[in-house]
Amino acid sequence: MTTPDSDGTILAAGCVLYRRTGSGGLEVCLIHRPKYDDWSLPKGKLHPGETPEQAAVREVAEETGHHVRLGPRLPTVRYTVGGRPKRVDYWAAETASPDAFTPTREVDALHWHPAPAARPRLTHPHDRSVLAAFLSLPL
């Protein structure tokens, strides 16, 4: 069960999940969703009574197996899905746990990419704009 906004907008939240490398760089996590055959940022719909921050943390854990520390807020993305408006709120989120990914029907693969190199690997332009905002952060 999800919570729509008062105007019927689908509400969702997600993160640019990142980790620090031994050389001081950043890697970004991208997930593959077989239903859409796309590479995306982890995100999902809000449950009733859930805040966007809670949903972002829960969805990242469900889709990637990583527990996170939310960082700076990133841009909100709006687009249409099946004729309905959708709003996705995003945060930067550093992993607080070691790799624990287990493939599921919803997410069958997870890849880490050097942060700047991840942009062209994302399927959707709205994900690329969120990553661009992430790359401008002083992390």
Protein backbone atom coordinates (compact mmCIF):
# COMPACT_ATOMS: atom_id res chain seq x y z
CA MET A 1 0.00 0.00 0.00
CA THR A 2 1.34 3.42 -0.93
CA THR A 3 0.35 6.90 0.05
CA PRO A 4 -0.68 9.20 -2.81
CA ASP A 5 -0.58 12.96 -2.39
CA SER A 6 -3.92 14.79 -2.12
CA ASP A 7 -3.88 15.36 -5.89
CA GLY A 8 -3.16 11.69 -6.67
CA THR A 9 0.58 12.17 -7.16
CA ILE A 10 2.57 9.01 -6.46
CA LEU A 11 5.02 9.82 -3.66
CA ALA A 12 8.42 8.15 -3.60
CA ALA A 13 11.88 8.69 -2.17
CA GLY A 14 15.39 7.48 -2.88
CA CYS A 15 19.08 8.12 -2.59
CA VAL A 16 22.30 8.47 -4.44
CA LEU A 17 24.02 5.72 -2.47
CA TYR A 18 27.77 6.21 -2.31
CA ARG A 19 30.89 4.86 -0.65
CA ARG A 20 34.40 6.17 -0.27
CA THR A 21 37.28 4.37 -1.94
CA GLY A 22 40.69 3.76 -0.40
CA SER A 23 42.15 6.43 -2.66
CA GLY A 24 39.72 9.10 -1.43
CA GLY A 25 37.32 8.94 -4.38
CA LEU A 26 33.62 8.19 -4.37
CA GLU A 27 31.73 5.33 -5.97
CA VAL A 28 28.01 5.43 -6.68
CA CYS A 29 25.65 2.47 -6.55
CA LEU A 30 23.35 1.79 -9.52
CA ILE A 31 20.70 -0.91 -9.51
CA HIS A 32 19.24 -2.93 -12.38
CA ARG A 33 15.49 -3.47 -12.40
CA PRO A 34 14.56 -6.40 -14.68
CA LYS A 35 10.89 -5.33 -14.92
CA TYR A 36 11.99 -2.16 -16.74
CA ASP A 37 15.42 -3.38 -17.91
CA ASP A 38 16.92 -0.15 -16.65
CA TRP A 39 19.79 1.10 -14.49
CA SER A 40 18.55 3.42 -11.83
CA LEU A 41 19.11 4.97 -8.42
CA PRO A 42 17.51 3.09 -5.50
CA LYS A 43 14.05 4.50 -4.77
CA GLY A 44 10.52 3.47 -3.97
CA LYS A 45 7.04 4.51 -2.94
CA LEU A 46 6.17 5.81 0.50
CA HIS A 47 4.14 3.59 2.80
CA PRO A 48 1.18 5.10 4.71
CA GLY A 49 2.43 7.29 7.57
CA GLU A 50 6.04 7.15 6.36
CA THR A 51 8.11 10.30 5.83
CA PRO A 52 10.15 10.67 2.64
CA GLU A 53 13.35 10.31 4.71
CA GLN A 54 12.12 7.05 6.25
CA ALA A 55 11.08 5.73 2.85
CA ALA A 56 14.46 6.61 1.30
CA VAL A 57 16.35 4.73 4.03
CA ARG A 58 13.97 1.73 3.87
CA GLU A 59 14.01 1.50 0.07
CA VAL A 60 17.81 1.65 -0.11
CA ALA A 61 18.04 -1.15 2.47
CA GLU A 62 15.43 -3.26 0.65
CA GLU A 63 16.90 -2.79 -2.81
CA THR A 64 20.63 -2.83 -2.03
CA GLY A 65 21.08 -4.45 1.38
CA HIS A 66 22.87 -1.32 2.61
CA HIS A 67 22.02 0.68 5.70
CA VAL A 68 22.74 4.36 5.17
CA ARG A 69 23.33 7.70 6.80
CA LEU A 70 21.28 10.34 5.01
CA GLY A 71 23.28 13.33 3.89
CA PRO A 72 22.34 16.45 1.98
CA ARG A 73 18.99 16.78 0.29
CA LEU A 74 19.11 16.49 -3.50
CA PRO A 75 16.58 17.79 -6.04
CA THR A 76 13.05 16.46 -6.19
CA VAL A 77 12.18 14.86 -9.53
CA ARG A 78 8.71 14.91 -11.07
CA TYR A 79 7.55 12.80 -14.00
CA THR A 80 4.53 10.82 -15.19
CA VAL A 81 4.09 7.07 -14.81
CA GLY A 82 1.10 5.35 -16.38
CA GLY A 83 -0.63 8.70 -16.81
CA ARG A 84 -0.17 9.65 -13.13
CA PRO A 85 2.21 12.27 -11.77
CA LYS A 86 5.04 10.97 -9.61
CA ARG A 87 7.29 12.89 -7.21
CA VAL A 88 10.57 11.41 -5.97
CA ASP A 89 12.50 13.13 -3.17
CA TYR A 90 16.23 12.31 -3.09
CA TRP A 91 19.11 12.49 -0.63
CA ALA A 92 22.81 11.73 -0.81
CA ALA A 93 23.41 8.71 1.42
CA GLU A 94 26.69 7.16 2.46
CA THR A 95 26.64 3.45 3.11
CA ALA A 96 27.04 2.57 6.77
CA SER A 97 27.32 -1.18 6.19
CA PRO A 98 29.42 -3.59 4.15
CA ASP A 99 28.12 -5.08 0.91
CA ALA A 100 25.09 -7.23 1.62
CA PHE A 101 23.27 -7.29 -1.73
CA THR A 102 21.03 -10.24 -2.54
CA PRO A 103 19.35 -10.28 -5.97
CA THR A 104 15.53 -10.23 -5.97
CA ARG A 105 12.77 -10.12 -8.57
CA GLU A 106 12.68 -6.33 -8.21
CA VAL A 107 16.45 -5.69 -8.33
CA ASP A 108 18.63 -8.34 -9.92
CA ALA A 109 21.99 -6.55 -10.07
CA LEU A 110 23.93 -3.84 -8.27
CA HIS A 111 27.10 -2.19 -9.58
CA TRP A 112 29.42 0.40 -8.06
CA HIS A 113 30.88 2.99 -10.42
CA PRO A 114 33.31 5.87 -9.92
CA ALA A 115 30.93 8.78 -9.30
CA PRO A 116 31.57 10.79 -12.52
CA ALA A 117 31.50 7.63 -14.68
CA ALA A 118 28.06 6.58 -13.38
CA ARG A 119 26.12 9.32 -15.19
CA PRO A 120 26.05 7.82 -18.71
CA ARG A 121 25.19 4.40 -17.27
CA LEU A 122 21.86 5.64 -15.88
CA THR A 123 18.91 4.91 -18.15
CA HIS A 124 16.68 7.88 -17.29
CA PRO A 125 17.46 11.58 -17.72
CA HIS A 126 15.82 12.42 -14.37
CA ASP A 127 18.30 10.10 -12.59
CA ARG A 128 21.18 11.76 -14.42
CA SER A 129 20.05 15.19 -13.19
CA VAL A 130 19.96 13.95 -9.59
CA LEU A 131 23.46 12.48 -9.98
CA ALA A 132 24.70 15.79 -11.43
CA ALA A 133 23.45 17.57 -8.30
CA PHE A 134 25.17 14.94 -6.15
CA LEU A 135 28.46 15.47 -8.01
CA SER A 136 28.35 19.18 -7.15
CA LEU A 137 28.28 18.47 -3.39
CA PRO A 138 31.43 19.02 -1.30
CA LEU A 139 31.53 15.50 0.23
